[in-house]
Amino acid sequence: MASTLTVDSIVGSTASGVINVKNHVINQTRAIAHIFTSTQTITTDSYADVNNSSYSYTPVSAGSRIILHYYGHCRNLGASSQDVFCALRPHCNGASGNAFTIQGDNLGKLGDSIWFPFYYTMTQEIAAADHTTSAIAIKLQGRAGSNGQHLQFLGSSNCSSVFLDILEIGQ
């Protein structure tokens, strides 16, 4: 059975040709798709910016929710006689998001160093009250542990990656 839907107009607020329908995606962006060509190693216990993970997003509606979805892979060094520890977090307009942490007890304590693969996926929401239609500065930050651990994004033939998808949800 075939159906036909004929509509004269869609009721809803529009801005820049975008129909703002409550609880529907009104804009979707693959903001970052970066494959590392040179290695970045983070050895500090303080958060540092991940190379090529920054993006400026301008919302189409001031009242929308913004969903950030970072994903990719890297690796973490558990130095000889140490645990494995590292963390990644989104950082938006100067505010830190929730950290995604990997920690392994005694992985390097067998006397050998161990490189531990780190596949991450993290989602962070920016509520409507926390933005306008001005640009939002977004980046990914990482940190290693304090006892010789390394968080490493590999370049060359072992390429690590970082991806960012942004969904804007009408309200």
C-alpha atoms as a PDB file:
ATOM      1  CA  MET A   1       0.000   0.000   0.000  1.00  0.00           C
ATOM      2  CA  ALA A   2       1.441   3.383  -1.017  1.00  0.00           C
ATOM      3  CA  SER A   3       0.869   6.503   1.070  1.00  0.00           C
ATOM      4  CA  THR A   4       1.172  10.137   0.153  1.00  0.00           C
ATOM      5  CA  LEU A   5       1.810  12.923   2.608  1.00  0.00           C
ATOM      6  CA  THR A   6       1.053  16.428   1.401  1.00  0.00           C
ATOM      7  CA  VAL A   7       2.024  19.345   3.587  1.00  0.00           C
ATOM      8  CA  ASP A   8       1.459  23.050   2.955  1.00  0.00           C
ATOM      9  CA  SER A   9       3.791  24.123   5.747  1.00  0.00           C
ATOM     10  CA  ILE A  10       5.641  22.827   8.773  1.00  0.00           C
ATOM     11  CA  VAL A  11       4.909  24.711  11.958  1.00  0.00           C
ATOM     12  CA  GLY A  12       7.955  25.399  14.053  1.00  0.00           C
ATOM     13  CA  SER A  13      10.514  28.103  14.544  1.00  0.00           C
ATOM     14  CA  THR A  14      13.039  28.479  11.764  1.00  0.00           C
ATOM     15  CA  ALA A  15      16.458  30.060  11.737  1.00  0.00           C
ATOM     16  CA  SER A  16      18.786  30.108   8.763  1.00  0.00           C
ATOM     17  CA  GLY A  17      16.640  27.587   6.926  1.00  0.00           C
ATOM     18  CA  VAL A  18      16.730  25.138   9.842  1.00  0.00           C
ATOM     19  CA  ILE A  19      13.442  23.850  11.188  1.00  0.00           C
ATOM     20  CA  ASN A  20      13.672  23.710  14.969  1.00  0.00           C
ATOM     21  CA  VAL A  21      11.534  20.720  15.964  1.00  0.00           C
ATOM     22  CA  LYS A  22      11.528  19.771  19.640  1.00  0.00           C
ATOM     23  CA  ASN A  23      13.635  16.678  20.454  1.00  0.00           C
ATOM     24  CA  HIS A  24      14.817  16.200  16.858  1.00  0.00           C
ATOM     25  CA  VAL A  25      18.281  16.616  15.390  1.00  0.00           C
ATOM     26  CA  ILE A  26      18.338  20.014  13.709  1.00  0.00           C
ATOM     27  CA  ASN A  27      22.022  19.951  12.747  1.00  0.00           C
ATOM     28  CA  GLN A  28      24.603  17.179  12.532  1.00  0.00           C
ATOM     29  CA  THR A  29      28.281  17.767  11.850  1.00  0.00           C
ATOM     30  CA  ARG A  30      31.279  15.442  11.462  1.00  0.00           C
ATOM     31  CA  ALA A  31      33.516  18.121  12.935  1.00  0.00           C
ATOM     32  CA  ILE A  32      36.807  16.237  13.133  1.00  0.00           C
ATOM     33  CA  ALA A  33      38.098  13.155  11.391  1.00  0.00           C
ATOM     34  CA  HIS A  34      41.832  13.213  12.083  1.00  0.00           C
ATOM     35  CA  ILE A  35      44.327  10.403  11.542  1.00  0.00           C
ATOM     36  CA  PHE A  36      47.657  11.248  13.166  1.00  0.00           C
ATOM     37  CA  THR A  37      50.641  11.454  10.807  1.00  0.00           C
ATOM     38  CA  SER A  38      53.147  12.357  13.526  1.00  0.00           C
ATOM     39  CA  THR A  39      53.227  11.027  17.066  1.00  0.00           C
ATOM     40  CA  GLN A  40      52.078  13.125  20.028  1.00  0.00           C
ATOM     41  CA  THR A  41      53.150  11.954  23.486  1.00  0.00           C
ATOM     42  CA  ILE A  42      51.629  13.425  26.636  1.00  0.00           C
ATOM     43  CA  THR A  43      53.727  12.746  29.746  1.00  0.00           C
ATOM     44  CA  THR A  44      52.334  15.336  32.135  1.00  0.00           C
ATOM     45  CA  ASP A  45      49.984  14.663  35.052  1.00  0.00           C
ATOM     46  CA  SER A  46      48.144  17.880  34.076  1.00  0.00           C
ATOM     47  CA  TYR A  47      45.716  18.033  31.161  1.00  0.00           C
ATOM     48  CA  ALA A  48      47.214  19.028  27.805  1.00  0.00           C
ATOM     49  CA  ASP A  49      45.467  19.680  24.482  1.00  0.00           C
ATOM     50  CA  VAL A  50      45.389  16.793  22.011  1.00  0.00           C
ATOM     51  CA  ASN A  51      46.717  17.953  18.636  1.00  0.00           C
ATOM     52  CA  ASN A  52      44.157  18.488  15.868  1.00  0.00           C
ATOM     53  CA  SER A  53      41.182  17.998  18.226  1.00  0.00           C
ATOM     54  CA  SER A  54      39.976  21.615  18.359  1.00  0.00           C
ATOM     55  CA  TYR A  55      36.814  22.792  16.653  1.00  0.00           C
ATOM     56  CA  SER A  56      34.634  25.886  16.738  1.00  0.00           C
ATOM     57  CA  TYR A  57      30.919  25.123  16.456  1.00  0.00           C
ATOM     58  CA  THR A  58      28.215  27.767  16.050  1.00  0.00           C
ATOM     59  CA  PRO A  59      24.769  26.525  17.134  1.00  0.00           C
ATOM     60  CA  VAL A  60      21.849  27.204  14.789  1.00  0.00           C
ATOM     61  CA  SER A  61      19.469  27.734  17.710  1.00  0.00           C
ATOM     62  CA  ALA A  62      20.089  29.361  21.101  1.00  0.00           C
ATOM     63  CA  GLY A  63      17.629  27.041  22.839  1.00  0.00           C
ATOM     64  CA  SER A  64      19.009  23.720  21.593  1.00  0.00           C
ATOM     65  CA  ARG A  65      20.992  20.977  23.331  1.00  0.00           C
ATOM     66  CA  ILE A  66      24.421  20.209  21.874  1.00  0.00           C
ATOM     67  CA  ILE A  67      25.716  16.630  22.026  1.00  0.00           C
ATOM     68  CA  LEU A  68      29.464  16.115  21.507  1.00  0.00           C
ATOM     69  CA  HIS A  69      30.691  12.622  20.680  1.00  0.00           C
ATOM     70  CA  TYR A  70      34.478  12.117  20.660  1.00  0.00           C
ATOM     71  CA  TYR A  71      35.894   8.718  19.706  1.00  0.00           C
ATOM     72  CA  GLY A  72      39.117   7.185  18.446  1.00  0.00           C
ATOM     73  CA  HIS A  73      42.135   5.336  19.727  1.00  0.00           C
ATOM     74  CA  CYS A  74      45.583   5.877  21.194  1.00  0.00           C
ATOM     75  CA  ARG A  75      47.766   3.986  23.669  1.00  0.00           C
ATOM     76  CA  ASN A  76      48.997   4.255  27.251  1.00  0.00           C
ATOM     77  CA  LEU A  77      52.382   3.257  28.669  1.00  0.00           C
ATOM     78  CA  GLY A  78      52.606   1.505  31.996  1.00  0.00           C
ATOM     79  CA  ALA A  79      56.252   2.059  32.821  1.00  0.00           C
ATOM     80  CA  SER A  80      58.294  -0.699  34.433  1.00  0.00           C
ATOM     81  CA  SER A  81      57.161  -1.263  38.013  1.00  0.00           C
ATOM     82  CA  GLN A  82      54.184   1.137  37.594  1.00  0.00           C
ATOM     83  CA  ASP A  83      50.418   1.013  37.089  1.00  0.00           C
ATOM     84  CA  VAL A  84      48.755   2.115  33.846  1.00  0.00           C
ATOM     85  CA  PHE A  85      46.883   5.418  34.063  1.00  0.00           C
ATOM     86  CA  CYS A  86      45.656   8.085  31.637  1.00  0.00           C
ATOM     87  CA  ALA A  87      42.561  10.207  31.046  1.00  0.00           C
ATOM     88  CA  LEU A  88      40.830  12.104  28.244  1.00  0.00           C
ATOM     89  CA  ARG A  89      38.154  14.790  28.573  1.00  0.00           C
ATOM     90  CA  PRO A  90      36.298  17.270  26.352  1.00  0.00           C
ATOM     91  CA  HIS A  91      36.860  20.952  27.081  1.00  0.00           C
ATOM     92  CA  CYS A  92      34.234  23.496  25.920  1.00  0.00           C
ATOM     93  CA  ASN A  93      34.413  27.290  26.220  1.00  0.00           C
ATOM     94  CA  GLY A  94      36.892  27.048  29.086  1.00  0.00           C
ATOM     95  CA  ALA A  95      34.941  24.422  31.053  1.00  0.00           C
ATOM     96  CA  SER A  96      36.155  20.863  31.528  1.00  0.00           C
ATOM     97  CA  GLY A  97      33.863  17.957  30.734  1.00  0.00           C
ATOM     98  CA  ASN A  98      33.747  14.563  32.433  1.00  0.00           C
ATOM     99  CA  ALA A  99      36.984  12.583  32.201  1.00  0.00           C
ATOM    100  CA  PHE A 100      37.198   9.148  30.581  1.00  0.00           C
ATOM    101  CA  THR A 101      39.888   7.324  32.579  1.00  0.00           C
ATOM    102  CA  ILE A 102      41.771   4.114  32.015  1.00  0.00           C
ATOM    103  CA  GLN A 103      43.619   2.621  34.934  1.00  0.00           C
ATOM    104  CA  GLY A 104      45.219  -0.774  35.368  1.00  0.00           C
ATOM    105  CA  ASP A 105      46.720  -2.008  38.591  1.00  0.00           C
ATOM    106  CA  ASN A 106      50.060  -3.797  38.444  1.00  0.00           C
ATOM    107  CA  LEU A 107      50.190  -3.999  34.629  1.00  0.00           C
ATOM    108  CA  GLY A 108      53.746  -2.654  34.538  1.00  0.00           C
ATOM    109  CA  LYS A 109      54.746  -4.106  37.901  1.00  0.00           C
ATOM    110  CA  LEU A 110      55.912  -7.402  36.465  1.00  0.00           C
ATOM    111  CA  GLY A 111      59.172  -5.646  35.667  1.00  0.00           C
ATOM    112  CA  ASP A 112      58.429  -4.873  32.038  1.00  0.00           C
ATOM    113  CA  SER A 113      56.916  -1.787  30.469  1.00  0.00           C
ATOM    114  CA  ILE A 114      53.578  -2.374  28.781  1.00  0.00           C
ATOM    115  CA  TRP A 115      51.798  -0.384  26.057  1.00  0.00           C
ATOM    116  CA  PHE A 116      48.075  -0.678  26.629  1.00  0.00           C
ATOM    117  CA  PRO A 117      45.650   0.048  23.740  1.00  0.00           C
ATOM    118  CA  PHE A 118      43.109   2.752  24.533  1.00  0.00           C
ATOM    119  CA  TYR A 119      39.910   2.831  22.470  1.00  0.00           C
ATOM    120  CA  TYR A 120      37.711   5.653  23.687  1.00  0.00           C
ATOM    121  CA  THR A 121      34.228   6.948  23.076  1.00  0.00           C
ATOM    122  CA  MET A 122      32.788   9.757  25.163  1.00  0.00           C
ATOM    123  CA  THR A 123      29.653  11.841  24.949  1.00  0.00           C
ATOM    124  CA  GLN A 124      29.172  15.240  26.550  1.00  0.00           C
ATOM    125  CA  GLU A 125      26.044  17.422  26.527  1.00  0.00           C
ATOM    126  CA  ILE A 126      26.040  21.204  26.437  1.00  0.00           C
ATOM    127  CA  ALA A 127      22.676  22.285  27.818  1.00  0.00           C
ATOM    128  CA  ALA A 128      20.649  25.076  26.225  1.00  0.00           C
ATOM    129  CA  ALA A 129      21.279  27.328  29.217  1.00  0.00           C
ATOM    130  CA  ASP A 130      25.048  27.038  28.648  1.00  0.00           C
ATOM    131  CA  HIS A 131      25.248  28.472  25.117  1.00  0.00           C
ATOM    132  CA  THR A 132      23.813  31.015  22.704  1.00  0.00           C
ATOM    133  CA  THR A 133      24.286  31.163  18.938  1.00  0.00           C
ATOM    134  CA  SER A 134      27.878  32.307  19.454  1.00  0.00           C
ATOM    135  CA  ALA A 135      30.715  29.966  18.546  1.00  0.00           C
ATOM    136  CA  ILE A 136      31.621  27.247  21.067  1.00  0.00           C
ATOM    137  CA  ALA A 137      35.334  26.415  21.337  1.00  0.00           C
ATOM    138  CA  ILE A 138      35.685  22.634  21.695  1.00  0.00           C
ATOM    139  CA  LYS A 139      38.813  20.534  22.175  1.00  0.00           C
ATOM    140  CA  LEU A 140      39.986  17.214  23.578  1.00  0.00           C
ATOM    141  CA  GLN A 141      42.509  17.115  26.416  1.00  0.00           C
ATOM    142  CA  GLY A 142      44.570  14.245  27.797  1.00  0.00           C
ATOM    143  CA  ARG A 143      46.839  13.491  30.724  1.00  0.00           C
ATOM    144  CA  ALA A 144      49.164  10.719  31.783  1.00  0.00           C
ATOM    145  CA  GLY A 145      49.899   9.502  35.277  1.00  0.00           C
ATOM    146  CA  SER A 146      52.655  10.921  37.458  1.00  0.00           C
ATOM    147  CA  ASN A 147      55.029   7.953  37.539  1.00  0.00           C
ATOM    148  CA  GLY A 148      56.433   7.691  34.022  1.00  0.00           C
ATOM    149  CA  GLN A 149      53.174   6.870  32.250  1.00  0.00           C
ATOM    150  CA  HIS A 150      52.628   8.142  28.702  1.00  0.00           C
ATOM    151  CA  LEU A 151      49.447   8.852  26.717  1.00  0.00           C
ATOM    152  CA  GLN A 152      50.426   8.540  23.076  1.00  0.00           C
ATOM    153  CA  PHE A 153      48.712   9.231  19.760  1.00  0.00           C
ATOM    154  CA  LEU A 154      50.743   7.361  17.151  1.00  0.00           C
ATOM    155  CA  GLY A 155      51.567   8.690  13.719  1.00  0.00           C
ATOM    156  CA  SER A 156      53.124   6.981  10.704  1.00  0.00           C
ATOM    157  CA  SER A 157      51.975   3.415   9.950  1.00  0.00           C
ATOM    158  CA  ASN A 158      50.391   2.796  13.386  1.00  0.00           C
ATOM    159  CA  CYS A 159      48.051   5.773  13.089  1.00  0.00           C
ATOM    160  CA  SER A 160      45.930   6.815  16.049  1.00  0.00           C
ATOM    161  CA  SER A 161      42.759   8.786  15.449  1.00  0.00           C
ATOM    162  CA  VAL A 162      40.393  11.344  16.900  1.00  0.00           C
ATOM    163  CA  PHE A 163      36.858  11.928  15.630  1.00  0.00           C
ATOM    164  CA  LEU A 164      34.206  14.407  16.775  1.00  0.00           C
ATOM    165  CA  ASP A 165      30.542  14.285  15.808  1.00  0.00           C
ATOM    166  CA  ILE A 166      28.202  17.071  16.936  1.00  0.00           C
ATOM    167  CA  LEU A 167      24.433  16.747  17.151  1.00  0.00           C
ATOM    168  CA  GLU A 168      22.252  19.740  17.837  1.00  0.00           C
ATOM    169  CA  ILE A 169      18.845  18.821  19.278  1.00  0.00           C
ATOM    170  CA  GLY A 170      15.898  21.220  18.977  1.00  0.00           C
ATOM    171  CA  GLN A 171      14.017  22.192  22.145  1.00  0.00           C
END
